[in-house]
N, C-alpha and C. Protein backbone atom coordinates (compact mmCIF):
# COMPACT_ATOMS: atom_id res chain seq x y z
N UNK A 1 131.01 39.90 -5.12
CA UNK A 1 131.58 41.15 -4.98
C UNK A 1 130.50 42.32 -5.21
N UNK A 2 130.61 43.40 -4.44
CA UNK A 2 129.92 44.54 -4.55
C UNK A 2 130.79 45.68 -4.51
N UNK A 3 130.38 46.77 -5.30
CA UNK A 3 130.99 47.94 -5.55
C UNK A 3 130.24 49.14 -5.22
N UNK A 4 130.58 49.98 -4.31
CA UNK A 4 129.80 51.23 -4.04
C UNK A 4 130.78 52.42 -4.26
N UNK A 5 130.16 53.58 -4.45
CA UNK A 5 130.82 54.76 -4.72
C UNK A 5 130.66 55.68 -3.33
N UNK A 6 131.75 55.91 -2.66
CA UNK A 6 131.71 56.61 -1.47
C UNK A 6 131.01 58.10 -1.66
N UNK A 7 131.48 58.65 -3.09
CA UNK A 7 131.13 60.00 -3.25
C UNK A 7 129.35 59.97 -3.24
N UNK A 8 128.88 58.95 -3.54
CA UNK A 8 127.31 58.84 -3.66
C UNK A 8 126.66 58.85 -2.29
N UNK A 9 127.59 58.57 -1.24
CA UNK A 9 127.14 58.49 0.09
C UNK A 9 127.45 59.61 0.94
N UNK A 10 128.13 60.78 0.37
CA UNK A 10 128.48 62.03 0.97
C UNK A 10 127.33 62.91 0.74
N UNK A 11 126.41 63.03 1.70
CA UNK A 11 125.11 63.77 1.56
C UNK A 11 124.97 64.53 2.92
N UNK A 12 124.90 65.90 2.96
CA UNK A 12 124.78 66.65 4.15
C UNK A 12 123.45 67.36 4.27
N UNK A 13 122.82 67.41 5.34
CA UNK A 13 121.63 68.11 5.84
C UNK A 13 121.95 69.08 6.82
N UNK A 14 121.15 70.14 6.68
CA UNK A 14 121.52 71.34 7.74
C UNK A 14 120.91 70.99 9.22
N UNK A 15 119.74 70.05 9.15
CA UNK A 15 119.00 69.94 10.41
C UNK A 15 119.43 68.77 11.13
N UNK A 16 120.34 67.71 10.47
CA UNK A 16 120.81 66.55 11.16
C UNK A 16 121.94 65.80 10.38
N UNK A 17 122.72 65.13 11.11
CA UNK A 17 123.72 64.41 10.46
C UNK A 17 123.03 63.36 9.50
N UNK A 18 123.71 62.87 8.58
CA UNK A 18 123.17 61.83 7.85
C UNK A 18 124.16 60.45 7.94
N UNK A 19 123.56 59.30 7.69
CA UNK A 19 124.40 57.97 7.62
C UNK A 19 123.91 57.32 6.46
N UNK A 20 124.71 56.98 5.56
CA UNK A 20 124.40 56.35 4.39
C UNK A 20 125.26 54.93 4.33
N UNK A 21 124.48 53.73 4.26
CA UNK A 21 124.92 52.46 4.23
C UNK A 21 125.69 52.14 2.88
N UNK A 22 126.87 51.53 3.11
CA UNK A 22 127.64 50.97 1.84
C UNK A 22 127.38 49.44 1.84
N UNK A 23 127.62 48.84 3.00
CA UNK A 23 127.61 47.42 3.03
C UNK A 23 126.83 46.90 4.26
N UNK A 24 126.02 46.10 4.19
CA UNK A 24 125.35 45.47 5.44
C UNK A 24 125.25 44.04 5.28
N UNK A 25 126.28 43.30 5.76
CA UNK A 25 126.48 41.93 5.72
C UNK A 25 126.57 41.33 7.01
N UNK A 26 126.58 40.00 7.15
CA UNK A 26 126.28 39.28 8.29
C UNK A 26 127.41 39.62 9.18
N UNK A 27 128.77 39.71 8.70
CA UNK A 27 129.99 39.95 9.46
C UNK A 27 130.49 41.27 9.43
N UNK A 28 129.90 42.26 8.74
CA UNK A 28 130.46 43.68 8.67
C UNK A 28 129.25 44.44 8.24
N UNK A 29 129.29 45.80 9.01
CA UNK A 29 128.49 46.91 8.64
C UNK A 29 129.35 48.07 8.34
N UNK A 30 129.09 48.64 7.22
CA UNK A 30 129.94 49.81 6.67
C UNK A 30 129.07 50.91 6.13
N UNK A 31 129.35 52.17 6.54
CA UNK A 31 128.62 53.30 6.20
C UNK A 31 129.41 54.47 6.23
N UNK A 32 128.77 55.63 5.72
CA UNK A 32 129.47 56.87 5.86
C UNK A 32 128.62 57.79 6.52
N UNK A 33 129.24 58.47 7.58
CA UNK A 33 128.50 59.52 8.42
C UNK A 33 128.90 60.86 8.02
N UNK A 34 127.99 61.66 7.86
CA UNK A 34 128.27 63.03 7.26
C UNK A 34 127.62 64.06 8.32
N UNK A 35 128.43 65.08 8.60
CA UNK A 35 128.11 66.02 9.60
C UNK A 35 128.26 67.58 9.10
N UNK A 36 127.44 68.40 9.31
CA UNK A 36 127.74 69.75 9.12
C UNK A 36 128.42 70.23 10.38
N UNK A 37 128.92 71.38 10.26
CA UNK A 37 129.70 72.02 11.65
C UNK A 37 128.68 71.97 12.89
N UNK A 38 129.20 71.47 13.97
CA UNK A 38 128.50 71.47 15.16
C UNK A 38 127.59 70.19 15.29
N UNK A 39 127.35 69.38 14.25
CA UNK A 39 126.58 68.15 14.40
C UNK A 39 127.42 66.99 15.02
N UNK A 40 126.80 66.04 15.64
CA UNK A 40 127.68 64.91 16.08
C UNK A 40 126.75 63.96 16.58
N UNK A 41 127.31 62.75 17.18
CA UNK A 41 126.60 61.64 17.77
C UNK A 41 126.99 61.54 19.34
N UNK A 42 126.07 61.34 20.07
CA UNK A 42 126.20 61.29 21.44
C UNK A 42 127.13 60.06 21.82
N UNK A 43 127.56 59.96 23.06
CA UNK A 43 128.27 58.87 23.72
C UNK A 43 127.34 57.62 23.66
N UNK A 44 128.16 56.50 23.04
CA UNK A 44 127.45 55.27 23.03
C UNK A 44 128.38 54.21 22.65
N UNK A 45 128.20 53.04 22.54
CA UNK A 45 129.05 51.99 22.15
C UNK A 45 128.35 51.04 21.15
N UNK A 46 129.07 50.07 20.68
CA UNK A 46 128.45 49.38 19.51
C UNK A 46 128.43 47.75 20.04
N UNK A 47 127.98 47.58 21.33
CA UNK A 47 127.90 46.24 21.81
C UNK A 47 129.30 45.60 21.82
N UNK A 48 129.56 44.57 21.08
CA UNK A 48 130.79 43.80 21.04
C UNK A 48 131.57 43.98 19.80
N UNK A 49 131.05 44.95 18.92
CA UNK A 49 131.48 45.23 17.51
C UNK A 49 132.66 46.25 17.49
N UNK A 50 133.81 45.82 17.00
CA UNK A 50 134.90 46.88 16.96
C UNK A 50 134.37 47.86 15.92
N UNK A 51 135.01 49.15 16.01
CA UNK A 51 134.65 50.16 15.29
C UNK A 51 136.04 50.84 14.77
N UNK A 52 135.86 51.02 13.34
CA UNK A 52 137.06 51.67 12.74
C UNK A 52 136.52 52.87 11.96
N UNK A 53 137.04 54.01 12.18
CA UNK A 53 136.73 55.22 11.62
C UNK A 53 137.71 55.90 10.72
N UNK A 54 137.50 56.22 9.55
CA UNK A 54 138.44 56.85 8.49
C UNK A 54 137.93 58.31 8.26
N UNK A 55 138.40 59.40 8.80
CA UNK A 55 137.99 60.61 8.45
C UNK A 55 138.40 61.00 7.11
N UNK A 56 137.26 61.20 6.29
CA UNK A 56 137.51 61.38 4.86
C UNK A 56 137.70 62.89 4.68
N UNK A 57 137.11 63.73 5.23
CA UNK A 57 137.15 65.15 5.04
C UNK A 57 136.66 65.74 6.45
N UNK A 58 137.33 66.90 6.61
CA UNK A 58 137.07 67.66 7.74
C UNK A 58 137.80 67.39 9.00
N UNK A 59 137.25 67.92 10.15
CA UNK A 59 137.91 67.67 11.44
C UNK A 59 137.03 67.73 12.54
N UNK A 60 137.38 67.17 13.73
CA UNK A 60 136.34 67.20 14.77
C UNK A 60 136.99 66.74 16.07
N UNK A 61 136.09 66.29 16.96
CA UNK A 61 136.53 65.64 18.29
C UNK A 61 135.81 64.28 18.34
N UNK A 62 136.53 63.43 18.91
CA UNK A 62 136.23 62.13 19.22
C UNK A 62 136.40 61.91 20.70
N UNK A 63 135.36 61.61 21.55
CA UNK A 63 135.54 61.22 22.84
C UNK A 63 135.53 59.77 23.00
N UNK A 64 136.43 59.10 23.80
CA UNK A 64 136.54 57.74 23.84
C UNK A 64 136.65 57.49 25.48
N UNK A 65 135.66 56.82 26.05
CA UNK A 65 135.65 56.62 27.41
C UNK A 65 136.00 57.94 28.26
N UNK A 66 135.45 58.93 27.73
CA UNK A 66 135.55 60.33 28.44
C UNK A 66 136.82 61.23 28.17
N UNK A 67 137.55 60.60 27.38
CA UNK A 67 138.86 61.36 26.91
C UNK A 67 138.61 61.98 25.32
N UNK A 68 138.69 63.17 25.34
CA UNK A 68 138.48 63.78 24.04
C UNK A 68 139.83 63.92 23.14
N UNK A 69 139.67 63.45 21.94
CA UNK A 69 140.77 63.57 20.95
C UNK A 69 140.47 64.30 19.76
N UNK A 70 141.32 65.21 19.33
CA UNK A 70 141.21 65.85 18.16
C UNK A 70 141.35 64.92 16.88
N UNK A 71 140.46 64.89 15.83
CA UNK A 71 140.59 64.18 14.82
C UNK A 71 140.56 64.99 13.55
N UNK A 72 141.40 64.58 12.48
CA UNK A 72 141.42 65.35 11.21
C UNK A 72 141.44 64.44 10.08
N UNK A 73 141.15 65.01 8.93
CA UNK A 73 141.12 64.42 7.70
C UNK A 73 142.39 63.40 7.55
N UNK A 74 142.11 62.26 7.07
CA UNK A 74 143.21 61.17 6.95
C UNK A 74 143.39 60.32 8.20
N UNK A 75 142.80 60.68 9.32
CA UNK A 75 143.00 59.98 10.58
C UNK A 75 142.24 58.70 10.56
N UNK A 76 142.76 57.59 11.03
CA UNK A 76 142.02 56.32 11.26
C UNK A 76 142.05 55.94 12.70
N UNK A 77 140.86 55.70 13.22
CA UNK A 77 140.65 55.37 14.80
C UNK A 77 139.85 54.03 14.92
N UNK A 78 140.46 53.39 15.70
CA UNK A 78 139.92 52.03 16.06
C UNK A 78 139.46 52.06 17.45
N UNK A 79 138.25 51.58 17.85
CA UNK A 79 137.75 51.56 19.13
C UNK A 79 137.21 50.08 19.22
N UNK A 80 137.44 49.54 20.51
CA UNK A 80 136.90 48.21 20.82
C UNK A 80 135.33 48.32 21.09
N UNK A 81 134.59 47.41 20.78
CA UNK A 81 133.11 47.46 20.95
C UNK A 81 132.61 47.98 22.49
N UNK A 82 133.46 47.82 23.46
CA UNK A 82 132.96 48.09 24.72
C UNK A 82 133.36 49.53 25.08
N UNK A 83 134.15 50.18 24.35
CA UNK A 83 134.37 51.54 24.53
C UNK A 83 133.31 52.54 24.26
N UNK A 84 133.10 53.50 25.01
CA UNK A 84 131.99 54.41 24.78
C UNK A 84 132.56 55.66 23.96
N UNK A 85 132.10 55.93 22.82
CA UNK A 85 132.62 57.07 22.03
C UNK A 85 131.47 58.09 21.66
N UNK A 86 132.05 59.22 21.32
CA UNK A 86 131.17 60.24 20.87
C UNK A 86 131.83 60.92 19.67
N UNK A 87 131.21 61.66 18.80
CA UNK A 87 131.95 62.11 17.54
C UNK A 87 131.15 63.47 17.14
N UNK A 88 131.94 64.43 17.15
CA UNK A 88 131.49 65.84 16.76
C UNK A 88 132.20 66.58 15.73
N UNK A 89 131.56 67.29 14.89
CA UNK A 89 132.29 68.12 13.79
C UNK A 89 132.68 69.39 14.60
N UNK A 90 133.74 69.70 15.03
CA UNK A 90 134.16 70.99 15.66
C UNK A 90 134.65 71.97 14.68
N UNK A 91 134.77 71.55 13.41
CA UNK A 91 135.41 72.41 12.53
C UNK A 91 134.42 73.57 11.88
N UNK A 92 134.85 74.16 10.97
CA UNK A 92 133.82 75.18 10.24
C UNK A 92 133.58 74.68 8.92
N UNK A 93 133.90 73.44 8.47
CA UNK A 93 133.63 72.84 7.18
C UNK A 93 132.93 71.59 7.38
N UNK A 94 132.37 71.12 6.50
CA UNK A 94 131.49 69.62 6.60
C UNK A 94 132.59 68.52 6.99
N UNK A 95 132.24 67.64 7.53
CA UNK A 95 132.98 66.44 7.82
C UNK A 95 132.42 65.10 7.50
N UNK A 96 133.10 64.20 6.80
CA UNK A 96 132.53 62.79 6.45
C UNK A 96 133.49 61.82 7.18
N UNK A 97 132.96 60.71 7.44
CA UNK A 97 133.88 59.60 8.04
C UNK A 97 133.24 58.32 7.44
N UNK A 98 134.28 57.38 6.96
CA UNK A 98 133.96 56.22 6.60
C UNK A 98 134.11 55.18 7.76
N UNK A 99 132.89 54.42 8.03
CA UNK A 99 132.88 53.75 9.19
C UNK A 99 132.70 52.23 8.89
N UNK A 100 133.43 51.27 9.63
CA UNK A 100 133.20 49.89 9.72
C UNK A 100 133.05 49.37 11.02
N UNK A 101 131.96 48.45 11.11
CA UNK A 101 131.51 47.78 12.32
C UNK A 101 131.72 46.35 12.14
N UNK A 102 132.62 45.65 13.02
CA UNK A 102 132.63 44.29 12.78
C UNK A 102 132.88 43.60 14.11
N UNK A 103 132.10 42.57 14.38
CA UNK A 103 130.98 41.92 13.51
C UNK A 103 129.78 42.93 13.40
N UNK A 104 128.92 42.76 12.49
CA UNK A 104 127.82 43.58 12.44
C UNK A 104 126.90 43.43 13.65
N UNK A 105 126.78 44.66 14.38
CA UNK A 105 126.02 44.56 15.59
C UNK A 105 124.42 44.44 15.35
N UNK A 106 123.51 44.72 16.25
CA UNK A 106 122.15 44.50 16.05
C UNK A 106 121.74 45.51 14.91
N UNK A 107 120.40 45.15 14.32
CA UNK A 107 119.84 45.76 13.22
C UNK A 107 119.68 47.27 13.52
N UNK A 108 119.59 47.80 14.70
CA UNK A 108 119.35 49.06 15.13
C UNK A 108 120.47 49.96 14.42
N UNK A 109 121.66 49.42 14.38
CA UNK A 109 122.66 50.28 13.81
C UNK A 109 122.88 50.22 12.32
N UNK A 110 121.97 49.61 11.60
CA UNK A 110 121.96 49.51 10.26
C UNK A 110 120.93 50.22 9.44
N UNK A 111 120.34 51.35 10.19
CA UNK A 111 119.34 52.13 9.63
C UNK A 111 119.89 53.34 9.09
N UNK A 112 119.57 53.71 7.86
CA UNK A 112 120.02 55.07 7.36
C UNK A 112 119.36 56.32 7.99
N UNK A 113 120.03 57.27 8.14
CA UNK A 113 119.29 58.65 8.56
C UNK A 113 119.74 59.62 7.72
């Protein structure tokens, strides 16, 4: 068993989003994404790994296969691995998201930024 504190992973930077790893295991990758207003991730997918995002704080927009969806604190979103998604903080406050990828995709996705 492992225990991590999400609060330790909520770190914001003015010049770029941050990604802080919670668990990097064979079958699952879990991290927290942190965005200042206007920051985001460009459209991409996670190979064959399903994506679950829980918006911990803030609000934004999530594009999935070209369709934009408003997301808010408390929302939980599931995307299949083949769906192309983007995520942007469109609010005026910081946004943090708890992210799960399963199965764990290639090592390129498990790098902290």
